[in-house]
């Protein structure tokens, strides 16, 4: 576990969607992960600036973000960044999970968000990113 909070980038053009994601996951998704901090992004430009900084540990994209959807952006970043952090895509319908697979997302959240499932999904993705401790 690191002393610095892990940084999670949350993209949606809607503030209420960003808030729902952050609230569902919470400040500590699992005891072994430690605390997380959030950076909210409303536009693709915001996302690109944060991703270019190299400080993002995990990104969560609203699959229905406007004008650029989170799924298309996830696929683009996965294909263009050499060291792309894990990306989780949130979708409105369970039937859209296949699109998140196409986007190369590391995991999928389905609205309405179940706080327990959302926190565990994020924790699992973060565990896979963190180096193993001896």
Protein backbone atom coordinates (compact mmCIF):
# COMPACT_ATOMS: atom_id res chain seq x y z
CA UNK A 1 0.00 0.00 0.00
CA UNK A 2 1.36 3.42 -0.90
CA UNK A 3 1.25 6.48 1.32
CA UNK A 4 0.19 8.72 -1.57
CA UNK A 5 -3.46 8.33 -2.55
CA UNK A 6 -3.96 6.64 -5.91
CA UNK A 7 -5.28 9.07 -8.51
CA UNK A 8 -8.50 8.21 -10.33
CA UNK A 9 -9.59 10.29 -13.31
CA UNK A 10 -13.37 10.40 -13.86
CA UNK A 11 -14.73 11.59 -17.23
CA UNK A 12 -18.31 12.61 -17.96
CA UNK A 13 -19.81 15.73 -19.45
CA UNK A 14 -22.43 15.46 -16.69
CA UNK A 15 -21.45 16.47 -13.16
CA UNK A 16 -24.15 14.20 -11.68
CA UNK A 17 -22.65 11.14 -13.40
CA UNK A 18 -19.15 12.01 -12.14
CA UNK A 19 -20.56 12.46 -8.63
CA UNK A 20 -22.43 9.13 -8.79
CA UNK A 21 -19.24 7.29 -9.79
CA UNK A 22 -17.13 8.96 -7.10
CA UNK A 23 -19.79 8.40 -4.42
CA UNK A 24 -20.25 4.73 -5.34
CA UNK A 25 -16.52 3.94 -5.20
CA UNK A 26 -15.71 6.11 -2.21
CA UNK A 27 -12.38 7.36 -0.90
CA UNK A 28 -11.16 3.88 0.02
CA UNK A 29 -12.47 1.16 -2.29
CA UNK A 30 -10.75 -1.61 -0.30
CA UNK A 31 -8.61 -1.79 2.84
CA UNK A 32 -5.58 -3.14 0.96
CA UNK A 33 -5.74 -0.40 -1.69
CA UNK A 34 -5.60 2.58 0.61
CA UNK A 35 -7.11 5.97 -0.10
CA UNK A 36 -7.80 7.31 -3.55
CA UNK A 37 -8.16 10.85 -4.84
CA UNK A 38 -10.26 11.94 -7.78
CA UNK A 39 -9.74 14.32 -10.64
CA UNK A 40 -12.88 15.17 -12.58
CA UNK A 41 -12.75 15.70 -16.33
CA UNK A 42 -15.55 17.20 -18.36
CA UNK A 43 -13.87 17.17 -21.80
CA UNK A 44 -11.49 15.07 -23.85
CA UNK A 45 -8.93 17.88 -23.56
CA UNK A 46 -9.09 17.53 -19.75
CA UNK A 47 -8.53 13.77 -20.05
CA UNK A 48 -5.59 14.13 -22.44
CA UNK A 49 -3.90 16.68 -20.18
CA UNK A 50 -4.24 14.38 -17.17
CA UNK A 51 -3.13 11.29 -19.10
CA UNK A 52 -0.10 13.15 -20.47
CA UNK A 53 0.91 14.05 -16.90
CA UNK A 54 1.62 10.38 -16.21
CA UNK A 55 0.09 10.60 -12.73
CA UNK A 56 -3.22 8.81 -13.36
CA UNK A 57 -3.46 5.36 -11.74
CA UNK A 58 -6.91 4.54 -13.13
CA UNK A 59 -9.41 6.25 -15.41
CA UNK A 60 -13.18 5.81 -15.36
CA UNK A 61 -15.01 6.99 -18.47
CA UNK A 62 -18.74 7.51 -18.91
CA UNK A 63 -19.58 5.44 -21.96
CA UNK A 64 -22.15 8.04 -22.95
CA UNK A 65 -19.99 11.13 -22.47
CA UNK A 66 -20.67 13.84 -25.03
CA UNK A 67 -19.50 14.82 -27.58
CA UNK A 68 -16.89 12.04 -27.48
CA UNK A 69 -18.00 8.81 -25.88
CA UNK A 70 -15.91 7.19 -23.21
CA UNK A 71 -15.73 3.89 -25.06
CA UNK A 72 -14.19 5.39 -28.18
CA UNK A 73 -11.79 7.44 -26.08
CA UNK A 74 -10.78 4.35 -24.08
CA UNK A 75 -9.99 2.44 -27.28
CA UNK A 76 -8.01 5.37 -28.67
CA UNK A 77 -5.92 5.75 -25.51
CA UNK A 78 -5.32 2.01 -25.20
CA UNK A 79 -3.98 1.98 -28.76
CA UNK A 80 -2.00 5.23 -28.61
CA UNK A 81 -0.39 5.33 -25.16
CA UNK A 82 2.58 3.07 -24.52
CA UNK A 83 1.83 2.95 -20.80
CA UNK A 84 -1.89 3.52 -20.63
CA UNK A 85 -3.30 3.24 -17.12
CA UNK A 86 -6.23 0.88 -16.66
CA UNK A 87 -9.56 2.21 -17.88
CA UNK A 88 -12.98 1.33 -16.52
CA UNK A 89 -16.03 2.24 -18.62
CA UNK A 90 -19.44 2.91 -17.11
CA UNK A 91 -22.49 1.99 -19.18
CA UNK A 92 -26.21 2.57 -18.73
CA UNK A 93 -27.42 -0.80 -19.97
CA UNK A 94 -26.03 -4.26 -19.18
CA UNK A 95 -26.38 -5.05 -22.90
CA UNK A 96 -23.68 -2.45 -23.63
CA UNK A 97 -20.98 -4.48 -21.87
CA UNK A 98 -19.87 -5.91 -25.21
CA UNK A 99 -19.09 -2.39 -26.42
CA UNK A 100 -16.89 -1.85 -23.39
CA UNK A 101 -15.04 -5.02 -24.37
CA UNK A 102 -14.53 -3.58 -27.84
CA UNK A 103 -13.15 -0.41 -26.23
CA UNK A 104 -10.42 -2.52 -24.55
CA UNK A 105 -11.61 -1.39 -21.12
CA UNK A 106 -10.13 -3.25 -18.18
CA UNK A 107 -13.53 -3.45 -16.46
CA UNK A 108 -17.12 -2.26 -16.75
CA UNK A 109 -19.49 -0.58 -14.29
CA UNK A 110 -23.24 -0.67 -14.98
CA UNK A 111 -25.64 2.07 -13.85
CA UNK A 112 -27.36 2.28 -11.48
CA UNK A 113 -24.10 1.74 -9.64
CA UNK A 114 -24.02 -0.73 -6.78
CA UNK A 115 -21.48 0.78 -4.34
CA UNK A 116 -20.16 -2.61 -3.22
CA UNK A 117 -19.71 -3.92 -6.77
CA UNK A 118 -18.27 -0.61 -8.02
CA UNK A 119 -15.71 -0.38 -5.20
CA UNK A 120 -14.68 -4.03 -5.63
CA UNK A 121 -14.34 -3.66 -9.41
CA UNK A 122 -12.11 -0.61 -9.03
CA UNK A 123 -10.11 -2.26 -6.24
CA UNK A 124 -9.49 -5.33 -8.38
CA UNK A 125 -8.29 -3.27 -11.33
CA UNK A 126 -6.00 -1.26 -9.04
CA UNK A 127 -4.63 -4.44 -7.44
CA UNK A 128 -3.66 -5.68 -10.89
CA UNK A 129 -1.80 -2.39 -11.53
CA UNK A 130 0.07 -2.15 -8.23
CA UNK A 131 3.44 -3.88 -7.94
CA UNK A 132 3.45 -6.93 -5.71
CA UNK A 133 4.88 -6.26 -2.28
CA UNK A 134 7.42 -8.63 -0.79
